[in-house]
Amino acid sequence: MKRTMVHNTQDEHPRLFVAVPIPSGLKAQVAAAANGLKKTLPFKKWVHPDDLHITLKFLGEVVPSSVAAVEAELERIAARSTPFPLRLQGAGTFGAPMAPRILWVGLAGKLQALRDLQADVERQLAPLGYPTEDRPYSPHVTLARQYAGGAPARKDAVRGLFPADAEPPLEWAADRIVLYRSHLGRTPMYEPVRTIAFHAGG
């Protein structure tokens, strides 16, 4: 009997995205807060601590021969970028109040620098075939997806999380971008393909 070969398109065309990483110490603090929320906010999918990040641009499936061109553009962006301060601050949800799609951690600090970086990534990768987003950029860290509770999500459950005056401070210097690969069905899901430090003037 003739066997039919089944090809995994993800192996042939990896799913990639560009993001700002979060330091491991802050990931641990976010994970601790998430553990305290899981009973009061029953979301179906909680992001693994190692996978926490700030998305700049989702590329989708990329032809392997195109990866080098993407990396070259990210190198150019990093070469003209300087570190800027960010901090985790606040939390909330996206979607219907009764059944939100996303539970997120908010950001503060030099958000305009983050928005400028995201716009730079959009602008430089568009000529490579990755269209710019129509929606305004809303910087955040996704913590969980797909609310599954029988009652409306409790807004008070996230009130007071990640305060501006937290001790120790929930801040860091954003000084690099990472090209990540998604591995569907794997935990953790995201693998760094290339990490590029900012080096404007260096």
C-alpha atoms as a PDB file:
ATOM      1  CA  MET A   1       0.000   0.000   0.000  1.00  0.00           C
ATOM      2  CA  LYS A   2       1.342   3.396  -0.948  1.00  0.00           C
ATOM      3  CA  ARG A   3       2.014   5.667   2.025  1.00  0.00           C
ATOM      4  CA  THR A   4       1.032   9.304   1.826  1.00  0.00           C
ATOM      5  CA  MET A   5       3.593  11.704   3.238  1.00  0.00           C
ATOM      6  CA  VAL A   6       2.072  14.411   5.418  1.00  0.00           C
ATOM      7  CA  HIS A   7       4.139  17.586   5.479  1.00  0.00           C
ATOM      8  CA  ASN A   8       4.134  19.894   8.444  1.00  0.00           C
ATOM      9  CA  THR A   9       3.831  23.345   6.891  1.00  0.00           C
ATOM     10  CA  GLN A  10       5.086  24.911  10.107  1.00  0.00           C
ATOM     11  CA  ASP A  11       8.405  23.119   9.628  1.00  0.00           C
ATOM     12  CA  GLU A  12       8.619  24.418   6.063  1.00  0.00           C
ATOM     13  CA  HIS A  13       7.322  27.919   6.836  1.00  0.00           C
ATOM     14  CA  PRO A  14       7.951  28.906  10.471  1.00  0.00           C
ATOM     15  CA  ARG A  15       5.494  31.256  12.189  1.00  0.00           C
ATOM     16  CA  LEU A  16       7.471  34.307  13.311  1.00  0.00           C
ATOM     17  CA  PHE A  17       6.877  37.530  15.213  1.00  0.00           C
ATOM     18  CA  VAL A  18       8.957  40.445  16.497  1.00  0.00           C
ATOM     19  CA  ALA A  19       8.845  41.461  20.152  1.00  0.00           C
ATOM     20  CA  VAL A  20      10.523  43.228  23.047  1.00  0.00           C
ATOM     21  CA  PRO A  21      11.549  40.640  25.663  1.00  0.00           C
ATOM     22  CA  ILE A  22      10.844  40.889  29.393  1.00  0.00           C
ATOM     23  CA  PRO A  23      13.554  40.137  31.998  1.00  0.00           C
ATOM     24  CA  SER A  24      13.289  36.753  33.696  1.00  0.00           C
ATOM     25  CA  GLY A  25      12.889  38.300  37.159  1.00  0.00           C
ATOM     26  CA  LEU A  26       9.803  40.217  36.079  1.00  0.00           C
ATOM     27  CA  LYS A  27       8.412  37.156  34.323  1.00  0.00           C
ATOM     28  CA  ALA A  28       8.562  35.344  37.669  1.00  0.00           C
ATOM     29  CA  GLN A  29       6.632  38.154  39.377  1.00  0.00           C
ATOM     30  CA  VAL A  30       3.978  38.115  36.667  1.00  0.00           C
ATOM     31  CA  ALA A  31       3.708  34.328  36.935  1.00  0.00           C
ATOM     32  CA  ALA A  32       3.188  34.582  40.706  1.00  0.00           C
ATOM     33  CA  ALA A  33       0.383  37.092  40.175  1.00  0.00           C
ATOM     34  CA  ALA A  34      -1.163  34.856  37.498  1.00  0.00           C
ATOM     35  CA  ASN A  35      -1.247  31.904  39.872  1.00  0.00           C
ATOM     36  CA  GLY A  36      -3.267  34.008  42.299  1.00  0.00           C
ATOM     37  CA  LEU A  37      -5.785  34.922  39.599  1.00  0.00           C
ATOM     38  CA  LYS A  38      -6.552  31.527  38.114  1.00  0.00           C
ATOM     39  CA  LYS A  39      -9.368  30.682  40.535  1.00  0.00           C
ATOM     40  CA  THR A  40     -11.149  34.020  40.286  1.00  0.00           C
ATOM     41  CA  LEU A  41     -10.555  34.531  36.547  1.00  0.00           C
ATOM     42  CA  PRO A  42     -10.913  31.148  34.816  1.00  0.00           C
ATOM     43  CA  PHE A  43      -9.325  31.696  31.405  1.00  0.00           C
ATOM     44  CA  LYS A  44      -8.745  28.648  29.179  1.00  0.00           C
ATOM     45  CA  LYS A  45      -5.170  29.455  28.179  1.00  0.00           C
ATOM     46  CA  TRP A  46      -2.592  31.017  30.491  1.00  0.00           C
ATOM     47  CA  VAL A  47       0.656  32.161  28.909  1.00  0.00           C
ATOM     48  CA  HIS A  48       3.708  30.230  30.098  1.00  0.00           C
ATOM     49  CA  PRO A  49       6.067  32.559  32.037  1.00  0.00           C
ATOM     50  CA  ASP A  50       8.867  31.955  29.514  1.00  0.00           C
ATOM     51  CA  ASP A  51       6.563  33.159  26.721  1.00  0.00           C
ATOM     52  CA  LEU A  52       5.739  36.587  28.192  1.00  0.00           C
ATOM     53  CA  HIS A  53       6.740  39.415  25.835  1.00  0.00           C
ATOM     54  CA  ILE A  54       5.620  42.685  24.214  1.00  0.00           C
ATOM     55  CA  THR A  55       4.608  42.047  20.616  1.00  0.00           C
ATOM     56  CA  LEU A  56       5.777  44.543  18.002  1.00  0.00           C
ATOM     57  CA  LYS A  57       4.662  42.727  14.850  1.00  0.00           C
ATOM     58  CA  PHE A  58       3.263  39.321  13.945  1.00  0.00           C
ATOM     59  CA  LEU A  59       4.643  38.066  10.632  1.00  0.00           C
ATOM     60  CA  GLY A  60       2.840  34.737  10.284  1.00  0.00           C
ATOM     61  CA  GLU A  61       4.291  31.919   8.219  1.00  0.00           C
ATOM     62  CA  VAL A  62       7.572  32.994   6.620  1.00  0.00           C
ATOM     63  CA  VAL A  63       9.378  31.372   3.715  1.00  0.00           C
ATOM     64  CA  PRO A  64      12.765  30.256   5.128  1.00  0.00           C
ATOM     65  CA  SER A  65      14.668  32.058   2.386  1.00  0.00           C
ATOM     66  CA  SER A  66      13.065  35.340   3.546  1.00  0.00           C
ATOM     67  CA  VAL A  67      14.218  35.104   7.176  1.00  0.00           C
ATOM     68  CA  ALA A  68      17.641  36.603   6.459  1.00  0.00           C
ATOM     69  CA  ALA A  69      16.024  39.703   4.905  1.00  0.00           C
ATOM     70  CA  VAL A  70      13.807  40.138   7.982  1.00  0.00           C
ATOM     71  CA  GLU A  71      16.825  39.829  10.274  1.00  0.00           C
ATOM     72  CA  ALA A  72      18.751  42.375   8.188  1.00  0.00           C
ATOM     73  CA  GLU A  73      15.953  44.937   8.599  1.00  0.00           C
ATOM     74  CA  LEU A  74      15.802  44.298  12.344  1.00  0.00           C
ATOM     75  CA  GLU A  75      19.564  44.852  12.501  1.00  0.00           C
ATOM     76  CA  ARG A  76      19.100  48.241  10.830  1.00  0.00           C
ATOM     77  CA  ILE A  77      16.377  49.168  13.296  1.00  0.00           C
ATOM     78  CA  ALA A  78      18.533  48.146  16.284  1.00  0.00           C
ATOM     79  CA  ALA A  79      21.474  50.118  14.893  1.00  0.00           C
ATOM     80  CA  ARG A  80      19.500  53.362  15.201  1.00  0.00           C
ATOM     81  CA  SER A  81      17.711  52.534  18.475  1.00  0.00           C
ATOM     82  CA  THR A  82      18.728  53.364  22.042  1.00  0.00           C
ATOM     83  CA  PRO A  83      17.497  51.730  25.282  1.00  0.00           C
ATOM     84  CA  PHE A  84      14.431  53.220  26.979  1.00  0.00           C
ATOM     85  CA  PRO A  85      12.743  52.522  30.341  1.00  0.00           C
ATOM     86  CA  LEU A  86       9.559  50.488  30.650  1.00  0.00           C
ATOM     87  CA  ARG A  87       7.664  49.119  33.618  1.00  0.00           C
ATOM     88  CA  LEU A  88       4.744  46.802  34.208  1.00  0.00           C
ATOM     89  CA  GLN A  89       1.777  48.730  35.539  1.00  0.00           C
ATOM     90  CA  GLY A  90      -1.867  47.799  35.906  1.00  0.00           C
ATOM     91  CA  ALA A  91      -3.939  45.050  34.305  1.00  0.00           C
ATOM     92  CA  GLY A  92      -7.171  44.695  32.383  1.00  0.00           C
ATOM     93  CA  THR A  93      -9.039  42.845  29.657  1.00  0.00           C
ATOM     94  CA  PHE A  94      -9.860  43.121  25.964  1.00  0.00           C
ATOM     95  CA  GLY A  95     -13.237  42.039  24.628  1.00  0.00           C
ATOM     96  CA  ALA A  96     -16.745  41.845  26.009  1.00  0.00           C
ATOM     97  CA  PRO A  97     -16.912  42.492  29.776  1.00  0.00           C
ATOM     98  CA  MET A  98     -19.003  39.345  30.237  1.00  0.00           C
ATOM     99  CA  ALA A  99     -16.487  37.116  28.429  1.00  0.00           C
ATOM    100  CA  PRO A 100     -13.198  38.875  27.610  1.00  0.00           C
ATOM    101  CA  ARG A 101     -10.817  37.491  25.008  1.00  0.00           C
ATOM    102  CA  ILE A 102      -7.568  38.643  26.602  1.00  0.00           C
ATOM    103  CA  LEU A 103      -6.264  39.302  30.108  1.00  0.00           C
ATOM    104  CA  TRP A 104      -3.323  41.689  29.903  1.00  0.00           C
ATOM    105  CA  VAL A 105      -0.690  43.427  31.983  1.00  0.00           C
ATOM    106  CA  GLY A 106      -0.263  47.112  31.225  1.00  0.00           C
ATOM    107  CA  LEU A 107       2.882  49.102  30.553  1.00  0.00           C
ATOM    108  CA  ALA A 108       4.210  52.518  31.554  1.00  0.00           C
ATOM    109  CA  GLY A 109       7.467  54.413  31.108  1.00  0.00           C
ATOM    110  CA  LYS A 110       8.676  55.740  27.760  1.00  0.00           C
ATOM    111  CA  LEU A 111       5.698  54.413  25.823  1.00  0.00           C
ATOM    112  CA  GLN A 112       6.262  56.838  22.972  1.00  0.00           C
ATOM    113  CA  ALA A 113       9.682  55.266  22.411  1.00  0.00           C
ATOM    114  CA  LEU A 114       7.991  51.854  22.315  1.00  0.00           C
ATOM    115  CA  ARG A 115       5.395  53.114  19.839  1.00  0.00           C
ATOM    116  CA  ASP A 116       8.129  54.639  17.686  1.00  0.00           C
ATOM    117  CA  LEU A 117       9.986  51.319  17.708  1.00  0.00           C
ATOM    118  CA  GLN A 118       6.849  49.441  16.692  1.00  0.00           C
ATOM    119  CA  ALA A 119       6.184  51.915  13.880  1.00  0.00           C
ATOM    120  CA  ASP A 120       9.772  51.522  12.689  1.00  0.00           C
ATOM    121  CA  VAL A 121       9.355  47.732  12.556  1.00  0.00           C
ATOM    122  CA  GLU A 122       6.085  48.117  10.626  1.00  0.00           C
ATOM    123  CA  ARG A 123       7.617  50.562   8.172  1.00  0.00           C
ATOM    124  CA  GLN A 124      10.762  48.557   7.467  1.00  0.00           C
ATOM    125  CA  LEU A 125       9.096  45.162   7.077  1.00  0.00           C
ATOM    126  CA  ALA A 126       6.205  46.313   4.875  1.00  0.00           C
ATOM    127  CA  PRO A 127       8.329  46.285   1.667  1.00  0.00           C
ATOM    128  CA  LEU A 128       9.211  42.655   2.399  1.00  0.00           C
ATOM    129  CA  GLY A 129       5.563  41.667   2.123  1.00  0.00           C
ATOM    130  CA  TYR A 130       4.315  42.129   5.704  1.00  0.00           C
ATOM    131  CA  PRO A 131       1.518  44.749   5.511  1.00  0.00           C
ATOM    132  CA  THR A 132       1.158  47.341   8.249  1.00  0.00           C
ATOM    133  CA  GLU A 133      -1.586  46.863  10.838  1.00  0.00           C
ATOM    134  CA  ASP A 134      -4.795  48.828  10.384  1.00  0.00           C
ATOM    135  CA  ARG A 135      -5.511  48.919  14.126  1.00  0.00           C
ATOM    136  CA  PRO A 136      -3.744  51.395  16.422  1.00  0.00           C
ATOM    137  CA  TYR A 137      -0.891  49.841  18.387  1.00  0.00           C
ATOM    138  CA  SER A 138      -1.903  48.990  21.976  1.00  0.00           C
ATOM    139  CA  PRO A 139       1.239  47.894  23.866  1.00  0.00           C
ATOM    140  CA  HIS A 140       0.620  45.249  26.539  1.00  0.00           C
ATOM    141  CA  VAL A 141       1.729  41.859  27.829  1.00  0.00           C
ATOM    142  CA  THR A 142      -0.799  39.065  27.224  1.00  0.00           C
ATOM    143  CA  LEU A 143      -1.326  36.990  30.350  1.00  0.00           C
ATOM    144  CA  ALA A 144      -4.282  34.740  29.419  1.00  0.00           C
ATOM    145  CA  ARG A 145      -6.789  34.080  26.626  1.00  0.00           C
ATOM    146  CA  GLN A 146     -10.415  32.916  26.281  1.00  0.00           C
ATOM    147  CA  TYR A 147     -12.411  33.554  29.445  1.00  0.00           C
ATOM    148  CA  ALA A 148     -14.321  30.419  30.398  1.00  0.00           C
ATOM    149  CA  GLY A 149     -16.218  31.440  33.513  1.00  0.00           C
ATOM    150  CA  GLY A 150     -19.965  30.983  33.896  1.00  0.00           C
ATOM    151  CA  ALA A 151     -20.342  34.416  35.516  1.00  0.00           C
ATOM    152  CA  PRO A 152     -19.095  37.775  34.183  1.00  0.00           C
ATOM    153  CA  ALA A 153     -15.376  38.375  34.655  1.00  0.00           C
ATOM    154  CA  ARG A 154     -14.629  40.134  37.942  1.00  0.00           C
ATOM    155  CA  LYS A 155     -12.973  43.486  37.278  1.00  0.00           C
ATOM    156  CA  ASP A 156     -12.007  43.811  40.936  1.00  0.00           C
ATOM    157  CA  ALA A 157      -9.770  40.726  40.603  1.00  0.00           C
ATOM    158  CA  VAL A 158      -7.116  42.739  38.778  1.00  0.00           C
ATOM    159  CA  ARG A 159      -7.582  46.019  40.638  1.00  0.00           C
ATOM    160  CA  GLY A 160      -4.328  46.996  42.327  1.00  0.00           C
ATOM    161  CA  LEU A 161      -2.156  44.572  40.355  1.00  0.00           C
ATOM    162  CA  PHE A 162       1.276  45.857  39.335  1.00  0.00           C
ATOM    163  CA  PRO A 163       1.011  49.298  40.975  1.00  0.00           C
ATOM    164  CA  ALA A 164       3.199  52.218  39.901  1.00  0.00           C
ATOM    165  CA  ASP A 165       4.913  52.247  43.315  1.00  0.00           C
ATOM    166  CA  ALA A 166       5.576  48.487  43.480  1.00  0.00           C
ATOM    167  CA  GLU A 167       8.584  47.359  45.511  1.00  0.00           C
ATOM    168  CA  PRO A 168      10.840  46.171  44.075  1.00  0.00           C
ATOM    169  CA  PRO A 169      10.095  48.323  41.005  1.00  0.00           C
ATOM    170  CA  LEU A 170       8.675  46.433  38.049  1.00  0.00           C
ATOM    171  CA  GLU A 171      10.890  48.269  35.582  1.00  0.00           C
ATOM    172  CA  TRP A 172      13.700  47.551  33.168  1.00  0.00           C
ATOM    173  CA  ALA A 173      15.576  49.064  30.244  1.00  0.00           C
ATOM    174  CA  ALA A 174      14.195  47.825  26.926  1.00  0.00           C
ATOM    175  CA  ASP A 175      17.428  47.402  25.006  1.00  0.00           C
ATOM    176  CA  ARG A 176      16.806  44.706  22.394  1.00  0.00           C
ATOM    177  CA  ILE A 177      14.334  43.149  20.008  1.00  0.00           C
ATOM    178  CA  VAL A 178      13.812  39.443  19.423  1.00  0.00           C
ATOM    179  CA  LEU A 179      12.611  37.517  16.396  1.00  0.00           C
ATOM    180  CA  TYR A 180      10.577  34.651  17.874  1.00  0.00           C
ATOM    181  CA  ARG A 181       9.285  31.438  16.340  1.00  0.00           C
ATOM    182  CA  SER A 182       5.936  29.957  17.448  1.00  0.00           C
ATOM    183  CA  HIS A 183       5.719  26.201  17.973  1.00  0.00           C
ATOM    184  CA  LEU A 184       2.008  25.395  18.094  1.00  0.00           C
ATOM    185  CA  GLY A 185       1.121  22.787  20.687  1.00  0.00           C
ATOM    186  CA  ARG A 186       4.412  23.116  22.570  1.00  0.00           C
ATOM    187  CA  THR A 187       4.999  24.549  26.063  1.00  0.00           C
ATOM    188  CA  PRO A 188       6.660  26.982  26.249  1.00  0.00           C
ATOM    189  CA  MET A 189       5.565  27.945  22.757  1.00  0.00           C
ATOM    190  CA  TYR A 190       8.030  30.629  21.673  1.00  0.00           C
ATOM    191  CA  GLU A 191      11.640  30.098  20.629  1.00  0.00           C
ATOM    192  CA  PRO A 192      14.055  33.029  20.145  1.00  0.00           C
ATOM    193  CA  VAL A 193      15.448  32.857  16.612  1.00  0.00           C
ATOM    194  CA  ARG A 194      17.540  36.030  16.784  1.00  0.00           C
ATOM    195  CA  THR A 195      18.153  38.544  19.586  1.00  0.00           C
ATOM    196  CA  ILE A 196      19.453  41.936  18.461  1.00  0.00           C
ATOM    197  CA  ALA A 197      20.652  44.522  20.996  1.00  0.00           C
ATOM    198  CA  PHE A 198      20.168  48.238  20.381  1.00  0.00           C
ATOM    199  CA  HIS A 199      23.468  49.878  19.466  1.00  0.00           C
ATOM    200  CA  ALA A 200      22.825  53.386  18.200  1.00  0.00           C
ATOM    201  CA  GLY A 201      26.104  55.278  18.385  1.00  0.00           C
ATOM    202  CA  GLY A 202      27.940  52.146  19.463  1.00  0.00           C
END
